[in-house]
Amino acid sequence: MNKTEAFLTKKEEEEIVEAIRVAERKTSGEIRVHLEPTSGKEDIFERAMEVFHMLKMDNTKESNGVLIYVAVEDRNFVIYGDSGINEVVPDDFWESTKDLIVSHFKRGEFAKGLTQGVLKAGEQLQKHFPWDEADTNELPDQISKA
């Protein structure tokens, strides 16, 4: 079993997927979590952007997709938001979410960090992209892996 497969248990993955569903009930934003062994690049942000496009997260109606990209062996992650989000939020919009995830990751609580990060991202998105009856779930809630 590689490090990416061992990073989360099946139960922990289910908890994260449930957190995505809970978060998306409050916002039209779309949240995904992607895990892979390493970014394979010097710039992890560049890899997160590639994965964002690979997962077709740039095809949401309001350009309000959010990717939490984790390079497991690199011990690094990025929160990447689409252009619709970046146009309306302050520059430090994701800092509190990032800090929350980091606080759990430092203690080895990876599932809790991702779960809490997803819920926090949902709260943040709700302020700018509230949910309404016309919203549909545009992207899968499952964790993607490479």
N, C-alpha and C. Protein backbone atom coordinates (compact mmCIF):
# COMPACT_ATOMS: atom_id res chain seq x y z
N MET A 1 0.84 -1.18 0.00
CA MET A 1 0.00 0.00 0.00
C MET A 1 0.89 1.25 0.00
N ASN A 2 0.65 2.14 -0.97
CA ASN A 2 1.47 3.35 -1.03
C ASN A 2 1.01 4.37 0.02
N LYS A 3 1.79 5.43 0.18
CA LYS A 3 1.50 6.42 1.21
C LYS A 3 0.17 7.14 0.97
N THR A 4 -0.20 7.32 -0.27
CA THR A 4 -1.47 7.98 -0.56
C THR A 4 -2.64 7.11 -0.12
N GLU A 5 -2.54 5.80 -0.41
CA GLU A 5 -3.60 4.88 -0.01
C GLU A 5 -3.67 4.75 1.52
N ALA A 6 -2.54 4.84 2.18
CA ALA A 6 -2.50 4.69 3.64
C ALA A 6 -2.79 6.00 4.37
N PHE A 7 -2.86 7.11 3.65
CA PHE A 7 -3.03 8.43 4.25
C PHE A 7 -4.34 8.54 5.02
N LEU A 8 -5.41 7.95 4.47
CA LEU A 8 -6.72 7.98 5.10
C LEU A 8 -7.33 6.58 5.08
N THR A 9 -8.06 6.25 6.14
CA THR A 9 -8.80 4.99 6.14
C THR A 9 -10.07 5.19 5.31
N LYS A 10 -10.72 4.09 4.99
CA LYS A 10 -11.99 4.15 4.26
C LYS A 10 -13.00 4.98 5.05
N LYS A 11 -13.05 4.76 6.35
CA LYS A 11 -13.99 5.50 7.21
C LYS A 11 -13.67 6.99 7.19
N GLU A 12 -12.39 7.34 7.25
CA GLU A 12 -12.00 8.74 7.22
C GLU A 12 -12.37 9.39 5.88
N GLU A 13 -12.19 8.65 4.80
CA GLU A 13 -12.58 9.16 3.49
C GLU A 13 -14.09 9.43 3.45
N GLU A 14 -14.87 8.50 4.03
CA GLU A 14 -16.32 8.69 4.07
C GLU A 14 -16.69 9.93 4.89
N GLU A 15 -15.97 10.19 5.98
CA GLU A 15 -16.23 11.37 6.80
C GLU A 15 -15.95 12.65 6.02
N ILE A 16 -14.90 12.64 5.22
CA ILE A 16 -14.56 13.82 4.41
C ILE A 16 -15.61 14.05 3.33
N VAL A 17 -16.04 12.98 2.68
CA VAL A 17 -17.09 13.09 1.65
C VAL A 17 -18.38 13.62 2.29
N GLU A 18 -18.70 13.16 3.47
CA GLU A 18 -19.90 13.67 4.16
C GLU A 18 -19.73 15.15 4.50
N ALA A 19 -18.53 15.57 4.90
CA ALA A 19 -18.27 16.99 5.17
C ALA A 19 -18.46 17.81 3.90
N ILE A 20 -18.04 17.29 2.76
CA ILE A 20 -18.25 17.98 1.48
C ILE A 20 -19.75 18.16 1.23
N ARG A 21 -20.51 17.11 1.46
CA ARG A 21 -21.96 17.18 1.24
C ARG A 21 -22.61 18.19 2.18
N VAL A 22 -22.20 18.19 3.43
CA VAL A 22 -22.74 19.14 4.41
C VAL A 22 -22.38 20.57 4.00
N ALA A 23 -21.12 20.79 3.64
CA ALA A 23 -20.67 22.13 3.25
C ALA A 23 -21.42 22.63 2.02
N GLU A 24 -21.63 21.75 1.06
CA GLU A 24 -22.27 22.17 -0.19
C GLU A 24 -23.77 22.37 -0.05
N ARG A 25 -24.36 21.98 1.08
CA ARG A 25 -25.78 22.27 1.32
C ARG A 25 -26.01 23.74 1.64
N LYS A 26 -24.93 24.47 1.92
CA LYS A 26 -25.04 25.87 2.32
C LYS A 26 -24.53 26.82 1.25
N THR A 27 -23.97 26.29 0.19
CA THR A 27 -23.36 27.13 -0.84
C THR A 27 -23.53 26.53 -2.22
N SER A 28 -23.53 27.39 -3.23
CA SER A 28 -23.54 26.89 -4.60
C SER A 28 -22.12 26.50 -5.03
N GLY A 29 -21.14 26.80 -4.20
CA GLY A 29 -19.76 26.43 -4.49
C GLY A 29 -19.58 24.93 -4.50
N GLU A 30 -18.56 24.49 -5.20
CA GLU A 30 -18.24 23.06 -5.32
C GLU A 30 -16.87 22.82 -4.69
N ILE A 31 -16.79 21.83 -3.80
CA ILE A 31 -15.55 21.54 -3.08
C ILE A 31 -15.10 20.13 -3.43
N ARG A 32 -13.80 20.00 -3.73
CA ARG A 32 -13.23 18.67 -3.98
C ARG A 32 -11.93 18.54 -3.21
N VAL A 33 -11.60 17.31 -2.87
CA VAL A 33 -10.32 16.98 -2.25
C VAL A 33 -9.60 16.02 -3.19
N HIS A 34 -8.32 16.31 -3.45
CA HIS A 34 -7.52 15.44 -4.32
C HIS A 34 -6.23 15.08 -3.59
N LEU A 35 -5.90 13.78 -3.60
CA LEU A 35 -4.68 13.28 -2.98
C LEU A 35 -3.79 12.65 -4.04
N GLU A 36 -2.50 12.93 -3.94
CA GLU A 36 -1.54 12.21 -4.76
C GLU A 36 -0.21 12.17 -4.01
N PRO A 37 0.66 11.22 -4.39
CA PRO A 37 1.91 11.05 -3.64
C PRO A 37 2.75 12.32 -3.59
N THR A 38 3.00 12.94 -4.75
CA THR A 38 3.85 14.11 -4.82
C THR A 38 3.39 15.02 -5.93
N SER A 39 3.64 16.29 -5.79
CA SER A 39 3.23 17.22 -6.84
C SER A 39 4.11 17.05 -8.08
N GLY A 40 5.33 16.52 -7.88
CA GLY A 40 6.23 16.31 -9.00
C GLY A 40 6.76 17.61 -9.60
N LYS A 41 6.51 18.69 -8.91
CA LYS A 41 6.92 20.01 -9.41
C LYS A 41 7.52 20.81 -8.26
N GLU A 42 8.32 21.78 -8.63
CA GLU A 42 8.84 22.69 -7.61
C GLU A 42 7.72 23.56 -7.06
N ASP A 43 6.76 23.91 -7.91
CA ASP A 43 5.66 24.77 -7.51
C ASP A 43 4.38 23.95 -7.35
N ILE A 44 4.02 23.65 -6.11
CA ILE A 44 2.84 22.83 -5.83
C ILE A 44 1.57 23.53 -6.32
N PHE A 45 1.56 24.86 -6.28
CA PHE A 45 0.40 25.62 -6.75
C PHE A 45 0.14 25.34 -8.23
N GLU A 46 1.21 25.23 -9.01
CA GLU A 46 1.08 24.93 -10.43
C GLU A 46 0.44 23.55 -10.63
N ARG A 47 0.85 22.58 -9.84
CA ARG A 47 0.27 21.24 -9.94
C ARG A 47 -1.20 21.26 -9.52
N ALA A 48 -1.52 22.00 -8.46
CA ALA A 48 -2.92 22.10 -8.01
C ALA A 48 -3.78 22.68 -9.13
N MET A 49 -3.26 23.66 -9.84
CA MET A 49 -3.98 24.27 -10.94
C MET A 49 -4.21 23.24 -12.06
N GLU A 50 -3.22 22.42 -12.36
CA GLU A 50 -3.37 21.37 -13.37
C GLU A 50 -4.46 20.38 -12.97
N VAL A 51 -4.43 19.95 -11.70
CA VAL A 51 -5.43 19.00 -11.21
C VAL A 51 -6.82 19.63 -11.24
N PHE A 52 -6.91 20.89 -10.86
CA PHE A 52 -8.18 21.62 -10.89
C PHE A 52 -8.80 21.52 -12.29
N HIS A 53 -8.00 21.77 -13.32
CA HIS A 53 -8.50 21.71 -14.70
C HIS A 53 -8.76 20.27 -15.13
N MET A 54 -7.89 19.34 -14.72
CA MET A 54 -8.06 17.93 -15.05
C MET A 54 -9.39 17.39 -14.51
N LEU A 55 -9.77 17.85 -13.30
CA LEU A 55 -11.02 17.41 -12.68
C LEU A 55 -12.23 18.19 -13.20
N LYS A 56 -11.98 19.07 -14.17
CA LYS A 56 -13.02 19.90 -14.78
C LYS A 56 -13.73 20.80 -13.77
N MET A 57 -12.97 21.22 -12.77
CA MET A 57 -13.53 22.09 -11.75
C MET A 57 -13.71 23.51 -12.25
N ASP A 58 -13.12 23.80 -13.40
CA ASP A 58 -13.26 25.12 -13.99
C ASP A 58 -14.51 25.23 -14.87
N ASN A 59 -15.36 24.20 -14.82
CA ASN A 59 -16.58 24.19 -15.63
C ASN A 59 -17.85 24.46 -14.82
N THR A 60 -17.73 24.96 -13.61
CA THR A 60 -18.93 25.24 -12.82
C THR A 60 -19.58 26.52 -13.32
N LYS A 61 -20.88 26.58 -13.15
CA LYS A 61 -21.67 27.71 -13.67
C LYS A 61 -21.19 29.06 -13.14
N GLU A 62 -20.86 29.13 -11.86
CA GLU A 62 -20.45 30.41 -11.26
C GLU A 62 -18.94 30.51 -11.06
N SER A 63 -18.19 29.59 -11.66
CA SER A 63 -16.72 29.55 -11.48
C SER A 63 -16.36 29.61 -10.00
N ASN A 64 -17.03 28.76 -9.23
CA ASN A 64 -16.84 28.79 -7.77
C ASN A 64 -16.45 27.43 -7.19
N GLY A 65 -15.60 26.74 -7.92
CA GLY A 65 -15.06 25.48 -7.43
C GLY A 65 -13.84 25.72 -6.55
N VAL A 66 -13.68 24.85 -5.55
CA VAL A 66 -12.53 24.93 -4.64
C VAL A 66 -11.91 23.55 -4.55
N LEU A 67 -10.60 23.51 -4.77
CA LEU A 67 -9.86 22.26 -4.66
C LEU A 67 -8.94 22.32 -3.46
N ILE A 68 -9.02 21.30 -2.61
CA ILE A 68 -8.01 21.11 -1.57
C ILE A 68 -7.11 20.00 -2.09
N TYR A 69 -5.93 20.39 -2.55
CA TYR A 69 -4.97 19.49 -3.18
C TYR A 69 -3.91 19.12 -2.15
N VAL A 70 -3.70 17.80 -1.95
CA VAL A 70 -2.72 17.33 -0.98
C VAL A 70 -1.69 16.44 -1.67
N ALA A 71 -0.41 16.84 -1.56
CA ALA A 71 0.71 16.01 -2.01
C ALA A 71 1.25 15.31 -0.76
N VAL A 72 0.83 14.07 -0.57
CA VAL A 72 1.04 13.34 0.68
C VAL A 72 2.51 13.22 1.06
N GLU A 73 3.34 12.71 0.16
CA GLU A 73 4.76 12.49 0.48
C GLU A 73 5.52 13.81 0.61
N ASP A 74 5.04 14.84 -0.07
CA ASP A 74 5.67 16.16 0.03
C ASP A 74 5.29 16.87 1.33
N ARG A 75 4.26 16.34 1.98
CA ARG A 75 3.74 16.95 3.21
C ARG A 75 3.36 18.41 2.97
N ASN A 76 2.57 18.59 1.90
CA ASN A 76 2.19 19.93 1.51
C ASN A 76 0.79 19.91 0.91
N PHE A 77 0.11 21.05 0.93
CA PHE A 77 -1.21 21.14 0.32
C PHE A 77 -1.47 22.57 -0.14
N VAL A 78 -2.48 22.69 -1.02
CA VAL A 78 -2.88 23.98 -1.56
C VAL A 78 -4.40 24.03 -1.57
N ILE A 79 -4.96 25.19 -1.26
CA ILE A 79 -6.38 25.43 -1.47
C ILE A 79 -6.46 26.32 -2.71
N TYR A 80 -7.09 25.79 -3.74
CA TYR A 80 -7.15 26.51 -5.02
C TYR A 80 -8.60 26.85 -5.35
N GLY A 81 -8.89 28.13 -5.49
CA GLY A 81 -10.24 28.57 -5.82
C GLY A 81 -10.32 29.10 -7.24
N ASP A 82 -11.46 28.89 -7.88
CA ASP A 82 -11.67 29.32 -9.26
C ASP A 82 -11.82 30.84 -9.35
N SER A 83 -11.82 31.35 -10.57
CA SER A 83 -11.83 32.80 -10.82
C SER A 83 -13.05 33.51 -10.25
N GLY A 84 -14.20 32.86 -10.24
CA GLY A 84 -15.40 33.50 -9.70
C GLY A 84 -15.25 33.82 -8.22
N ILE A 85 -14.53 32.99 -7.51
CA ILE A 85 -14.28 33.22 -6.09
C ILE A 85 -13.25 34.32 -5.92
N ASN A 86 -12.16 34.19 -6.65
CA ASN A 86 -11.05 35.15 -6.50
C ASN A 86 -11.43 36.57 -6.87
N GLU A 87 -12.46 36.73 -7.71
CA GLU A 87 -12.91 38.06 -8.10
C GLU A 87 -13.66 38.78 -6.98
N VAL A 88 -14.22 38.04 -6.03
CA VAL A 88 -15.09 38.68 -5.03
C VAL A 88 -14.59 38.58 -3.59
N VAL A 89 -13.51 37.87 -3.36
CA VAL A 89 -13.04 37.69 -1.99
C VAL A 89 -11.72 38.43 -1.75
N PRO A 90 -11.44 38.77 -0.48
CA PRO A 90 -10.15 39.40 -0.18
C PRO A 90 -8.99 38.43 -0.41
N ASP A 91 -7.79 38.97 -0.56
CA ASP A 91 -6.61 38.15 -0.85
C ASP A 91 -6.34 37.08 0.21
N ASP A 92 -6.66 37.37 1.46
CA ASP A 92 -6.38 36.42 2.54
C ASP A 92 -7.58 35.52 2.85
N PHE A 93 -8.50 35.41 1.90
CA PHE A 93 -9.76 34.68 2.10
C PHE A 93 -9.54 33.26 2.62
N TRP A 94 -8.55 32.55 2.10
CA TRP A 94 -8.35 31.14 2.46
C TRP A 94 -7.40 30.95 3.63
N GLU A 95 -6.84 32.02 4.17
CA GLU A 95 -5.84 31.89 5.24
C GLU A 95 -6.39 31.16 6.47
N SER A 96 -7.60 31.51 6.92
CA SER A 96 -8.13 30.85 8.13
C SER A 96 -8.40 29.38 7.88
N THR A 97 -8.83 29.05 6.66
CA THR A 97 -9.05 27.64 6.32
C THR A 97 -7.72 26.90 6.28
N LYS A 98 -6.74 27.51 5.64
CA LYS A 98 -5.40 26.91 5.57
C LYS A 98 -4.83 26.70 6.97
N ASP A 99 -4.95 27.71 7.83
CA ASP A 99 -4.42 27.62 9.19
C ASP A 99 -5.09 26.50 9.98
N LEU A 100 -6.39 26.34 9.79
CA LEU A 100 -7.13 25.28 10.48
C LEU A 100 -6.62 23.91 10.04
N ILE A 101 -6.45 23.72 8.75
CA ILE A 101 -5.95 22.44 8.23
C ILE A 101 -4.54 22.18 8.76
N VAL A 102 -3.67 23.17 8.70
CA VAL A 102 -2.29 23.03 9.16
C VAL A 102 -2.25 22.63 10.63
N SER A 103 -3.11 23.24 11.45
CA SER A 103 -3.10 22.94 12.89
C SER A 103 -3.37 21.46 13.15
N HIS A 104 -4.24 20.85 12.35
CA HIS A 104 -4.54 19.42 12.51
C HIS A 104 -3.46 18.56 11.87
N PHE A 105 -2.97 18.95 10.70
CA PHE A 105 -1.93 18.18 10.02
C PHE A 105 -0.68 18.07 10.89
N LYS A 106 -0.33 19.14 11.60
CA LYS A 106 0.86 19.12 12.46
C LYS A 106 0.76 18.07 13.55
N ARG A 107 -0.46 17.73 13.94
CA ARG A 107 -0.69 16.70 14.97
C ARG A 107 -0.94 15.33 14.36
N GLY A 108 -0.80 15.23 13.04
CA GLY A 108 -1.03 13.96 12.37
C GLY A 108 -2.50 13.64 12.19
N GLU A 109 -3.37 14.63 12.41
CA GLU A 109 -4.82 14.44 12.28
C GLU A 109 -5.25 14.86 10.87
N PHE A 110 -4.88 14.04 9.90
CA PHE A 110 -5.10 14.40 8.51
C PHE A 110 -6.58 14.42 8.14
N ALA A 111 -7.32 13.40 8.54
CA ALA A 111 -8.75 13.35 8.22
C ALA A 111 -9.48 14.51 8.90
N LYS A 112 -9.16 14.76 10.14
CA LYS A 112 -9.82 15.85 10.87
C LYS A 112 -9.48 17.19 10.22
N GLY A 113 -8.23 17.37 9.82
CA GLY A 113 -7.82 18.60 9.15
C GLY A 113 -8.60 18.82 7.86
N LEU A 114 -8.73 17.76 7.06
CA LEU A 114 -9.46 17.89 5.80
C LEU A 114 -10.95 18.09 6.05
N THR A 115 -11.51 17.36 7.00
CA THR A 115 -12.93 17.51 7.31
C THR A 115 -13.23 18.93 7.79
N GLN A 116 -12.44 19.40 8.74
CA GLN A 116 -12.66 20.75 9.27
C GLN A 116 -12.39 21.81 8.19
N GLY A 117 -11.38 21.58 7.35
CA GLY A 117 -11.07 22.49 6.26
C GLY A 117 -12.21 22.59 5.26
N VAL A 118 -12.79 21.46 4.92
CA VAL A 118 -13.92 21.44 3.99
C VAL A 118 -15.10 22.21 4.57
N LEU A 119 -15.41 21.95 5.84
CA LEU A 119 -16.53 22.65 6.48
C LEU A 119 -16.29 24.15 6.55
N LYS A 120 -15.06 24.53 6.88
CA LYS A 120 -14.70 25.95 6.94
C LYS A 120 -14.78 26.58 5.55
N ALA A 121 -14.31 25.87 4.53
CA ALA A 121 -14.40 26.38 3.15
C ALA A 121 -15.87 26.61 2.78
N GLY A 122 -16.73 25.68 3.18
CA GLY A 122 -18.17 25.83 2.91
C GLY A 122 -18.73 27.07 3.57
N GLU A 123 -18.33 27.32 4.82
CA GLU A 123 -18.78 28.53 5.53
C GLU A 123 -18.31 29.78 4.80
N GLN A 124 -17.05 29.77 4.38
CA GLN A 124 -16.48 30.93 3.68
C GLN A 124 -17.23 31.16 2.36
N LEU A 125 -17.46 30.09 1.61
CA LEU A 125 -18.15 30.21 0.32
C LEU A 125 -19.59 30.68 0.48
N GLN A 126 -20.23 30.26 1.56
CA GLN A 126 -21.63 30.62 1.78
C GLN A 126 -21.83 32.14 1.80
N LYS A 127 -20.85 32.87 2.29
CA LYS A 127 -20.95 34.32 2.38
C LYS A 127 -21.07 34.97 1.00
N HIS A 128 -20.41 34.39 0.01
CA HIS A 128 -20.38 34.98 -1.33
C HIS A 128 -21.20 34.20 -2.35
N PHE A 129 -21.42 32.92 -2.07
CA PHE A 129 -22.16 32.06 -2.98
C PHE A 129 -23.17 31.23 -2.20
N PRO A 130 -24.21 31.87 -1.68
CA PRO A 130 -25.20 31.12 -0.89
C PRO A 130 -25.96 30.12 -1.77
N TRP A 131 -26.40 29.05 -1.13
CA TRP A 131 -27.15 28.01 -1.81
C TRP A 131 -28.56 28.51 -2.10
N ASP A 132 -29.14 28.09 -3.21
CA ASP A 132 -30.57 28.29 -3.43
C ASP A 132 -31.15 27.07 -4.12
N GLU A 133 -32.48 27.03 -4.24
CA GLU A 133 -33.18 25.83 -4.73
C GLU A 133 -32.75 25.43 -6.14
N ALA A 134 -32.30 26.38 -6.94
CA ALA A 134 -31.92 26.08 -8.32
C ALA A 134 -30.54 25.42 -8.43
N ASP A 135 -29.79 25.39 -7.34
CA ASP A 135 -28.44 24.83 -7.38
C ASP A 135 -28.47 23.32 -7.57
N THR A 136 -27.52 22.84 -8.37
CA THR A 136 -27.33 21.40 -8.53
C THR A 136 -25.89 21.07 -8.17
N ASN A 137 -25.67 19.84 -7.77
CA ASN A 137 -24.32 19.38 -7.46
C ASN A 137 -23.61 19.13 -8.78
N GLU A 138 -22.71 20.04 -9.15
CA GLU A 138 -22.09 19.99 -10.47
C GLU A 138 -20.89 19.05 -10.55
N LEU A 139 -20.30 18.73 -9.40
CA LEU A 139 -19.09 17.90 -9.40
C LEU A 139 -19.24 16.76 -8.38
N PRO A 140 -18.55 15.64 -8.60
CA PRO A 140 -18.61 14.54 -7.64
C PRO A 140 -18.06 14.97 -6.28
N ASP A 141 -18.58 14.37 -5.22
CA ASP A 141 -18.11 14.68 -3.86
C ASP A 141 -16.97 13.76 -3.43
N GLN A 142 -16.76 12.67 -4.16
CA GLN A 142 -15.73 11.69 -3.81
C GLN A 142 -14.33 12.32 -3.83
N ILE A 143 -13.45 11.77 -3.02
CA ILE A 143 -12.05 12.18 -3.03
C ILE A 143 -11.42 11.60 -4.28
N SER A 144 -10.68 12.42 -5.02
CA SER A 144 -9.98 11.90 -6.19
C SER A 144 -8.52 11.63 -5.81
N LYS A 145 -7.93 10.69 -6.50
CA LYS A 145 -6.56 10.28 -6.21
C LYS A 145 -5.80 10.04 -7.50
N ALA A 146 -4.50 10.29 -7.43
CA ALA A 146 -3.64 10.00 -8.57
C ALA A 146 -2.57 9.03 -8.14
